Amino acid sequence: MKTRDRILHTALTLFNEQGEVHTTALEIADELDMSPGNLYYHFKGKDPIIAALFDQFEQRISETLAAPIAAPLANQESVENNWYYLFVLFEDMHDYRFIYDNLTDLINRYPKIERGFKRILALKRAAFYALCDELIAQGGDTREQQLNAIADNLSQTATFWFSFDHLLHGRRDPEITMHRGVLQLLTMIAPYLGDAQQQFYRDCETIFETLQTVHQ
């Protein structure tokens, strides 16, 4: 692994484990058994490291959000397809969770991150809109309003899920946290499914219970 990549990998691990605000460039160098001057040769301090990690994250999650979503949600197979799509999204977020743990502070300190996160949020809303587009059968003026409202709710829940889950349950198996997040998103859609609502709920609960057993 190239030195630059080693620095980014180590910084990401430290940021995720102890928080970006509590991690210094010197600690990153110490963790790598590297002189501060060598680190400075590649990154002129912590700020460029944060910017490079955010660029990595934006590229990765943008590719995930641009992937096609299996639809419609009419049977357990398609529920599973959408489940795993959303799980990949949560994995992307979890791998760079320091961004979400300190989001308000980061976007206030770094205008570039604020602009980038707005692009990510727009992609999230578009992906969730597409996920819901097949679900509301009735026509009329309210349909577009409903789709936009659901997309907003799903985007908000996904963005702050890790903080919410941590406050509620403390640190626990991240696999369970992510699968619980997917369950939360999908069951937020269920009330709009009409006659398919109850079966959809049962399919989601069955998938979650199976996965939870696997990760226990």
C-alpha atoms as a PDB file:
ATOM      1  CA  MET A   1       0.000   0.000   0.000  1.00  0.00           C
ATOM      2  CA  LYS A   2       1.337   3.444  -0.894  1.00  0.00           C
ATOM      3  CA  THR A   3       2.253   5.775   1.940  1.00  0.00           C
ATOM      4  CA  ARG A   4      -0.523   8.199   1.075  1.00  0.00           C
ATOM      5  CA  ASP A   5      -3.089   5.400   1.172  1.00  0.00           C
ATOM      6  CA  ARG A   6      -1.706   4.108   4.474  1.00  0.00           C
ATOM      7  CA  ILE A   7      -2.119   7.561   5.981  1.00  0.00           C
ATOM      8  CA  LEU A   8      -5.717   7.807   4.817  1.00  0.00           C
ATOM      9  CA  HIS A   9      -6.537   4.281   5.985  1.00  0.00           C
ATOM     10  CA  THR A  10      -5.059   4.905   9.440  1.00  0.00           C
ATOM     11  CA  ALA A  11      -6.672   8.318   9.769  1.00  0.00           C
ATOM     12  CA  LEU A  12     -10.067   6.864   8.842  1.00  0.00           C
ATOM     13  CA  THR A  13      -9.717   4.164  11.500  1.00  0.00           C
ATOM     14  CA  LEU A  14      -8.743   6.679  14.181  1.00  0.00           C
ATOM     15  CA  PHE A  15     -11.440   9.168  13.170  1.00  0.00           C
ATOM     16  CA  ASN A  16     -14.087   6.430  13.321  1.00  0.00           C
ATOM     17  CA  GLU A  17     -12.881   5.026  16.640  1.00  0.00           C
ATOM     18  CA  GLN A  18     -12.170   8.172  18.640  1.00  0.00           C
ATOM     19  CA  GLY A  19     -13.692  10.980  16.605  1.00  0.00           C
ATOM     20  CA  GLU A  20     -12.080  13.322  14.123  1.00  0.00           C
ATOM     21  CA  VAL A  21     -12.109  16.243  16.534  1.00  0.00           C
ATOM     22  CA  HIS A  22     -10.149  14.213  19.116  1.00  0.00           C
ATOM     23  CA  THR A  23      -7.512  12.979  16.645  1.00  0.00           C
ATOM     24  CA  THR A  24      -4.451  15.018  15.743  1.00  0.00           C
ATOM     25  CA  ALA A  25      -2.074  14.704  12.805  1.00  0.00           C
ATOM     26  CA  LEU A  26       0.646  13.779  15.295  1.00  0.00           C
ATOM     27  CA  GLU A  27      -1.434  10.843  16.567  1.00  0.00           C
ATOM     28  CA  ILE A  28      -1.910   9.649  12.993  1.00  0.00           C
ATOM     29  CA  ALA A  29       1.857   9.794  12.442  1.00  0.00           C
ATOM     30  CA  ASP A  30       2.502   7.984  15.742  1.00  0.00           C
ATOM     31  CA  GLU A  31       0.044   5.238  14.828  1.00  0.00           C
ATOM     32  CA  LEU A  32       1.930   4.742  11.566  1.00  0.00           C
ATOM     33  CA  ASP A  33       5.317   4.923  13.316  1.00  0.00           C
ATOM     34  CA  MET A  34       6.059   7.774  10.937  1.00  0.00           C
ATOM     35  CA  SER A  35       7.767  11.096  11.512  1.00  0.00           C
ATOM     36  CA  PRO A  36       5.493  14.176  11.437  1.00  0.00           C
ATOM     37  CA  GLY A  37       7.670  15.510   8.614  1.00  0.00           C
ATOM     38  CA  ASN A  38       6.990  12.437   6.485  1.00  0.00           C
ATOM     39  CA  LEU A  39       3.252  12.805   7.034  1.00  0.00           C
ATOM     40  CA  TYR A  40       3.485  16.516   6.247  1.00  0.00           C
ATOM     41  CA  TYR A  41       5.188  15.664   2.954  1.00  0.00           C
ATOM     42  CA  HIS A  42       2.000  13.895   1.858  1.00  0.00           C
ATOM     43  CA  PHE A  43      -0.617  15.992   3.700  1.00  0.00           C
ATOM     44  CA  LYS A  44      -0.065  19.492   5.023  1.00  0.00           C
ATOM     45  CA  GLY A  45      -1.903  18.790   8.277  1.00  0.00           C
ATOM     46  CA  LYS A  46      -5.191  17.158   9.257  1.00  0.00           C
ATOM     47  CA  ASP A  47      -7.500  19.282   7.107  1.00  0.00           C
ATOM     48  CA  PRO A  48      -6.254  17.864   3.768  1.00  0.00           C
ATOM     49  CA  ILE A  49      -6.634  14.348   5.194  1.00  0.00           C
ATOM     50  CA  ILE A  50     -10.255  15.042   6.084  1.00  0.00           C
ATOM     51  CA  ALA A  51     -10.863  16.492   2.616  1.00  0.00           C
ATOM     52  CA  ALA A  52      -9.307  13.451   0.909  1.00  0.00           C
ATOM     53  CA  LEU A  53     -11.369  11.032   3.013  1.00  0.00           C
ATOM     54  CA  PHE A  54     -14.539  12.945   2.227  1.00  0.00           C
ATOM     55  CA  ASP A  55     -13.723  12.772  -1.483  1.00  0.00           C
ATOM     56  CA  GLN A  56     -13.337   8.989  -1.149  1.00  0.00           C
ATOM     57  CA  PHE A  57     -16.637   8.750   0.676  1.00  0.00           C
ATOM     58  CA  GLU A  58     -18.535  10.916  -1.788  1.00  0.00           C
ATOM     59  CA  GLN A  59     -17.321   8.879  -4.738  1.00  0.00           C
ATOM     60  CA  ARG A  60     -18.209   5.575  -3.069  1.00  0.00           C
ATOM     61  CA  ILE A  61     -21.664   6.484  -1.813  1.00  0.00           C
ATOM     62  CA  SER A  62     -22.537   8.278  -5.050  1.00  0.00           C
ATOM     63  CA  GLU A  63     -21.890   5.074  -6.960  1.00  0.00           C
ATOM     64  CA  THR A  64     -24.126   3.152  -4.560  1.00  0.00           C
ATOM     65  CA  LEU A  65     -26.926   5.703  -4.740  1.00  0.00           C
ATOM     66  CA  ALA A  66     -26.772   5.715  -8.538  1.00  0.00           C
ATOM     67  CA  ALA A  67     -27.263   1.941  -8.727  1.00  0.00           C
ATOM     68  CA  PRO A  68     -30.669   0.728  -9.903  1.00  0.00           C
ATOM     69  CA  ILE A  69     -33.147  -0.194  -7.191  1.00  0.00           C
ATOM     70  CA  ALA A  70     -35.195  -3.355  -7.583  1.00  0.00           C
ATOM     71  CA  ALA A  71     -38.905  -2.510  -7.913  1.00  0.00           C
ATOM     72  CA  PRO A  72     -41.761  -2.985  -7.385  1.00  0.00           C
ATOM     73  CA  LEU A  73     -41.874  -4.207  -3.789  1.00  0.00           C
ATOM     74  CA  ALA A  74     -44.524  -6.820  -4.428  1.00  0.00           C
ATOM     75  CA  ASN A  75     -43.029 -10.015  -3.005  1.00  0.00           C
ATOM     76  CA  GLN A  76     -40.375 -11.222  -0.576  1.00  0.00           C
ATOM     77  CA  GLU A  77     -37.739 -11.610  -3.277  1.00  0.00           C
ATOM     78  CA  SER A  78     -37.980  -7.957  -4.265  1.00  0.00           C
ATOM     79  CA  VAL A  79     -38.082  -6.952  -0.590  1.00  0.00           C
ATOM     80  CA  GLU A  80     -34.793  -8.822  -0.132  1.00  0.00           C
ATOM     81  CA  ASN A  81     -33.268  -7.094  -3.167  1.00  0.00           C
ATOM     82  CA  ASN A  82     -34.135  -3.699  -1.780  1.00  0.00           C
ATOM     83  CA  TRP A  83     -33.018  -4.751   1.697  1.00  0.00           C
ATOM     84  CA  TYR A  84     -29.529  -5.575   0.507  1.00  0.00           C
ATOM     85  CA  TYR A  85     -29.336  -2.433  -1.605  1.00  0.00           C
ATOM     86  CA  LEU A  86     -30.119  -0.334   1.458  1.00  0.00           C
ATOM     87  CA  PHE A  87     -27.713  -2.374   3.576  1.00  0.00           C
ATOM     88  CA  VAL A  88     -24.893  -1.513   1.161  1.00  0.00           C
ATOM     89  CA  LEU A  89     -25.847   2.140   1.582  1.00  0.00           C
ATOM     90  CA  PHE A  90     -25.601   1.822   5.368  1.00  0.00           C
ATOM     91  CA  GLU A  91     -22.247   0.040   5.003  1.00  0.00           C
ATOM     92  CA  ASP A  92     -20.904   2.985   3.012  1.00  0.00           C
ATOM     93  CA  MET A  93     -22.060   5.348   5.733  1.00  0.00           C
ATOM     94  CA  HIS A  94     -20.712   3.173   8.541  1.00  0.00           C
ATOM     95  CA  ASP A  95     -17.258   2.874   6.968  1.00  0.00           C
ATOM     96  CA  TYR A  96     -17.013   6.690   7.062  1.00  0.00           C
ATOM     97  CA  ARG A  97     -19.160   7.177  10.146  1.00  0.00           C
ATOM     98  CA  PHE A  98     -16.947   9.917  11.590  1.00  0.00           C
ATOM     99  CA  ILE A  99     -18.602  12.210   9.039  1.00  0.00           C
ATOM    100  CA  TYR A 100     -22.060  11.438  10.405  1.00  0.00           C
ATOM    101  CA  ASP A 101     -20.930  11.490  14.039  1.00  0.00           C
ATOM    102  CA  ASN A 102     -19.777  15.094  13.696  1.00  0.00           C
ATOM    103  CA  LEU A 103     -21.707  16.252  10.650  1.00  0.00           C
ATOM    104  CA  THR A 104     -22.840  19.703  11.802  1.00  0.00           C
ATOM    105  CA  ASP A 105     -19.366  20.669  12.957  1.00  0.00           C
ATOM    106  CA  LEU A 106     -17.705  19.395   9.785  1.00  0.00           C
ATOM    107  CA  ILE A 107     -20.002  21.227   7.392  1.00  0.00           C
ATOM    108  CA  ASN A 108     -19.571  24.421   9.424  1.00  0.00           C
ATOM    109  CA  ARG A 109     -15.785  24.143   9.311  1.00  0.00           C
ATOM    110  CA  TYR A 110     -15.369  22.966   5.733  1.00  0.00           C
ATOM    111  CA  PRO A 111     -17.482  24.607   2.996  1.00  0.00           C
ATOM    112  CA  LYS A 112     -16.289  21.957   0.532  1.00  0.00           C
ATOM    113  CA  ILE A 113     -17.749  19.217   2.724  1.00  0.00           C
ATOM    114  CA  GLU A 114     -20.998  21.147   3.058  1.00  0.00           C
ATOM    115  CA  ARG A 115     -21.305  21.388  -0.732  1.00  0.00           C
ATOM    116  CA  GLY A 116     -20.379  17.737  -1.151  1.00  0.00           C
ATOM    117  CA  PHE A 117     -22.815  16.556   1.484  1.00  0.00           C
ATOM    118  CA  LYS A 118     -25.602  18.535  -0.143  1.00  0.00           C
ATOM    119  CA  ARG A 119     -24.866  16.609  -3.360  1.00  0.00           C
ATOM    120  CA  ILE A 120     -24.983  13.325  -1.415  1.00  0.00           C
ATOM    121  CA  LEU A 121     -28.258  14.308   0.225  1.00  0.00           C
ATOM    122  CA  ALA A 122     -29.772  15.140  -3.158  1.00  0.00           C
ATOM    123  CA  LEU A 123     -28.728  11.702  -4.432  1.00  0.00           C
ATOM    124  CA  LYS A 124     -30.220  10.048  -1.345  1.00  0.00           C
ATOM    125  CA  ARG A 125     -33.530  11.799  -1.909  1.00  0.00           C
ATOM    126  CA  ALA A 126     -33.516  10.781  -5.572  1.00  0.00           C
ATOM    127  CA  ALA A 127     -32.766   7.157  -4.686  1.00  0.00           C
ATOM    128  CA  PHE A 128     -35.501   7.024  -2.064  1.00  0.00           C
ATOM    129  CA  TYR A 129     -37.925   8.750  -4.408  1.00  0.00           C
ATOM    130  CA  ALA A 130     -37.230   6.051  -6.994  1.00  0.00           C
ATOM    131  CA  LEU A 131     -37.693   3.377  -4.349  1.00  0.00           C
ATOM    132  CA  CYS A 132     -41.143   4.736  -3.503  1.00  0.00           C
ATOM    133  CA  ASP A 133     -42.255   5.712  -6.997  1.00  0.00           C
ATOM    134  CA  GLU A 134     -44.018   2.398  -7.642  1.00  0.00           C
ATOM    135  CA  LEU A 135     -45.663   2.249  -4.244  1.00  0.00           C
ATOM    136  CA  ILE A 136     -48.369   4.924  -4.220  1.00  0.00           C
ATOM    137  CA  ALA A 137     -51.016   3.794  -6.632  1.00  0.00           C
ATOM    138  CA  GLN A 138     -53.504   6.637  -6.389  1.00  0.00           C
ATOM    139  CA  GLY A 139     -53.194   9.569  -8.749  1.00  0.00           C
ATOM    140  CA  GLY A 140     -54.009  13.200  -8.190  1.00  0.00           C
ATOM    141  CA  ASP A 141     -52.113  16.177  -6.951  1.00  0.00           C
ATOM    142  CA  THR A 142     -51.219  14.603  -3.601  1.00  0.00           C
ATOM    143  CA  ARG A 143     -49.095  11.795  -5.045  1.00  0.00           C
ATOM    144  CA  GLU A 144     -46.085  13.982  -5.827  1.00  0.00           C
ATOM    145  CA  GLN A 145     -46.324  15.603  -2.407  1.00  0.00           C
ATOM    146  CA  GLN A 146     -46.410  12.186  -0.741  1.00  0.00           C
ATOM    147  CA  LEU A 147     -43.412  10.889  -2.658  1.00  0.00           C
ATOM    148  CA  ASN A 148     -41.356  13.955  -1.805  1.00  0.00           C
ATOM    149  CA  ALA A 149     -42.386  13.777   1.862  1.00  0.00           C
ATOM    150  CA  ILE A 150     -41.492  10.082   2.127  1.00  0.00           C
ATOM    151  CA  ALA A 151     -38.160  10.654   0.376  1.00  0.00           C
ATOM    152  CA  ASP A 152     -37.407  13.466   2.840  1.00  0.00           C
ATOM    153  CA  ASN A 153     -38.310  11.287   5.844  1.00  0.00           C
ATOM    154  CA  LEU A 154     -36.210   8.375   4.598  1.00  0.00           C
ATOM    155  CA  SER A 155     -33.248  10.642   3.863  1.00  0.00           C
ATOM    156  CA  GLN A 156     -33.443  12.217   7.307  1.00  0.00           C
ATOM    157  CA  THR A 157     -33.695   8.852   9.065  1.00  0.00           C
ATOM    158  CA  ALA A 158     -30.789   7.352   7.121  1.00  0.00           C
ATOM    159  CA  THR A 159     -28.586  10.395   7.722  1.00  0.00           C
ATOM    160  CA  PHE A 160     -29.009  10.385  11.496  1.00  0.00           C
ATOM    161  CA  TRP A 161     -29.586   6.676  12.074  1.00  0.00           C
ATOM    162  CA  PHE A 162     -26.230   5.832  13.666  1.00  0.00           C
ATOM    163  CA  SER A 163     -26.471   8.674  16.185  1.00  0.00           C
ATOM    164  CA  PHE A 164     -30.045   7.725  17.067  1.00  0.00           C
ATOM    165  CA  ASP A 165     -29.227   4.028  17.464  1.00  0.00           C
ATOM    166  CA  HIS A 166     -26.175   4.810  19.603  1.00  0.00           C
ATOM    167  CA  LEU A 167     -28.197   7.027  21.937  1.00  0.00           C
ATOM    168  CA  LEU A 168     -30.893   4.361  22.208  1.00  0.00           C
ATOM    169  CA  HIS A 169     -28.760   1.218  22.522  1.00  0.00           C
ATOM    170  CA  GLY A 170     -25.147   2.273  23.055  1.00  0.00           C
ATOM    171  CA  ARG A 171     -22.421   0.636  21.028  1.00  0.00           C
ATOM    172  CA  ARG A 172     -23.558  -2.711  19.674  1.00  0.00           C
ATOM    173  CA  ASP A 173     -22.857  -5.035  16.762  1.00  0.00           C
ATOM    174  CA  PRO A 174     -22.739  -2.699  13.725  1.00  0.00           C
ATOM    175  CA  GLU A 175     -24.342  -5.388  11.561  1.00  0.00           C
ATOM    176  CA  ILE A 176     -27.424  -5.324  13.785  1.00  0.00           C
ATOM    177  CA  THR A 177     -27.444  -1.517  13.795  1.00  0.00           C
ATOM    178  CA  MET A 178     -27.346  -1.419  10.002  1.00  0.00           C
ATOM    179  CA  HIS A 179     -29.986  -4.106   9.496  1.00  0.00           C
ATOM    180  CA  ARG A 180     -32.202  -2.392  12.060  1.00  0.00           C
ATOM    181  CA  GLY A 181     -31.756   0.818  10.069  1.00  0.00           C
ATOM    182  CA  VAL A 182     -32.856  -0.917   6.869  1.00  0.00           C
ATOM    183  CA  LEU A 183     -35.894  -2.326   8.678  1.00  0.00           C
ATOM    184  CA  GLN A 184     -36.748   1.153   9.917  1.00  0.00           C
ATOM    185  CA  LEU A 185     -36.580   2.614   6.403  1.00  0.00           C
ATOM    186  CA  LEU A 186     -38.651  -0.118   4.785  1.00  0.00           C
ATOM    187  CA  THR A 187     -41.342  -0.116   7.459  1.00  0.00           C
ATOM    188  CA  MET A 188     -41.663   3.647   6.996  1.00  0.00           C
ATOM    189  CA  ILE A 189     -42.739   2.863   3.425  1.00  0.00           C
ATOM    190  CA  ALA A 190     -45.189   0.101   4.359  1.00  0.00           C
ATOM    191  CA  PRO A 191     -48.193   2.305   5.363  1.00  0.00           C
ATOM    192  CA  TYR A 192     -48.417   3.517   1.752  1.00  0.00           C
ATOM    193  CA  LEU A 193     -48.697   0.030   0.240  1.00  0.00           C
ATOM    194  CA  GLY A 194     -52.443  -0.433   0.623  1.00  0.00           C
ATOM    195  CA  ASP A 195     -53.511  -4.085   0.552  1.00  0.00           C
ATOM    196  CA  ALA A 196     -49.877  -5.270   0.432  1.00  0.00           C
ATOM    197  CA  GLN A 197     -48.995  -3.497   3.684  1.00  0.00           C
ATOM    198  CA  GLN A 198     -49.343  -6.406   6.113  1.00  0.00           C
ATOM    199  CA  GLN A 199     -47.502  -8.894   3.928  1.00  0.00           C
ATOM    200  CA  PHE A 200     -44.744  -6.358   3.401  1.00  0.00           C
ATOM    201  CA  TYR A 201     -44.403  -5.895   7.166  1.00  0.00           C
ATOM    202  CA  ARG A 202     -44.217  -9.658   7.661  1.00  0.00           C
ATOM    203  CA  ASP A 203     -41.577 -10.053   4.950  1.00  0.00           C
ATOM    204  CA  CYS A 204     -39.440  -7.286   6.493  1.00  0.00           C
ATOM    205  CA  GLU A 205     -39.721  -8.770   9.976  1.00  0.00           C
ATOM    206  CA  THR A 206     -38.865 -12.256   8.687  1.00  0.00           C
ATOM    207  CA  ILE A 207     -35.746 -10.998   6.906  1.00  0.00           C
ATOM    208  CA  PHE A 208     -34.628  -9.007   9.961  1.00  0.00           C
ATOM    209  CA  GLU A 209     -35.192 -11.895  12.377  1.00  0.00           C
ATOM    210  CA  THR A 210     -33.227 -14.239  10.110  1.00  0.00           C
ATOM    211  CA  LEU A 211     -30.319 -11.830   9.796  1.00  0.00           C
ATOM    212  CA  GLN A 212     -30.345 -11.002  13.497  1.00  0.00           C
ATOM    213  CA  THR A 213     -30.036 -14.702  14.318  1.00  0.00           C
ATOM    214  CA  VAL A 214     -27.082 -15.007  11.959  1.00  0.00           C
ATOM    215  CA  HIS A 215     -25.228 -12.133  13.642  1.00  0.00           C
ATOM    216  CA  GLN A 216     -25.890 -13.146  17.244  1.00  0.00           C
END
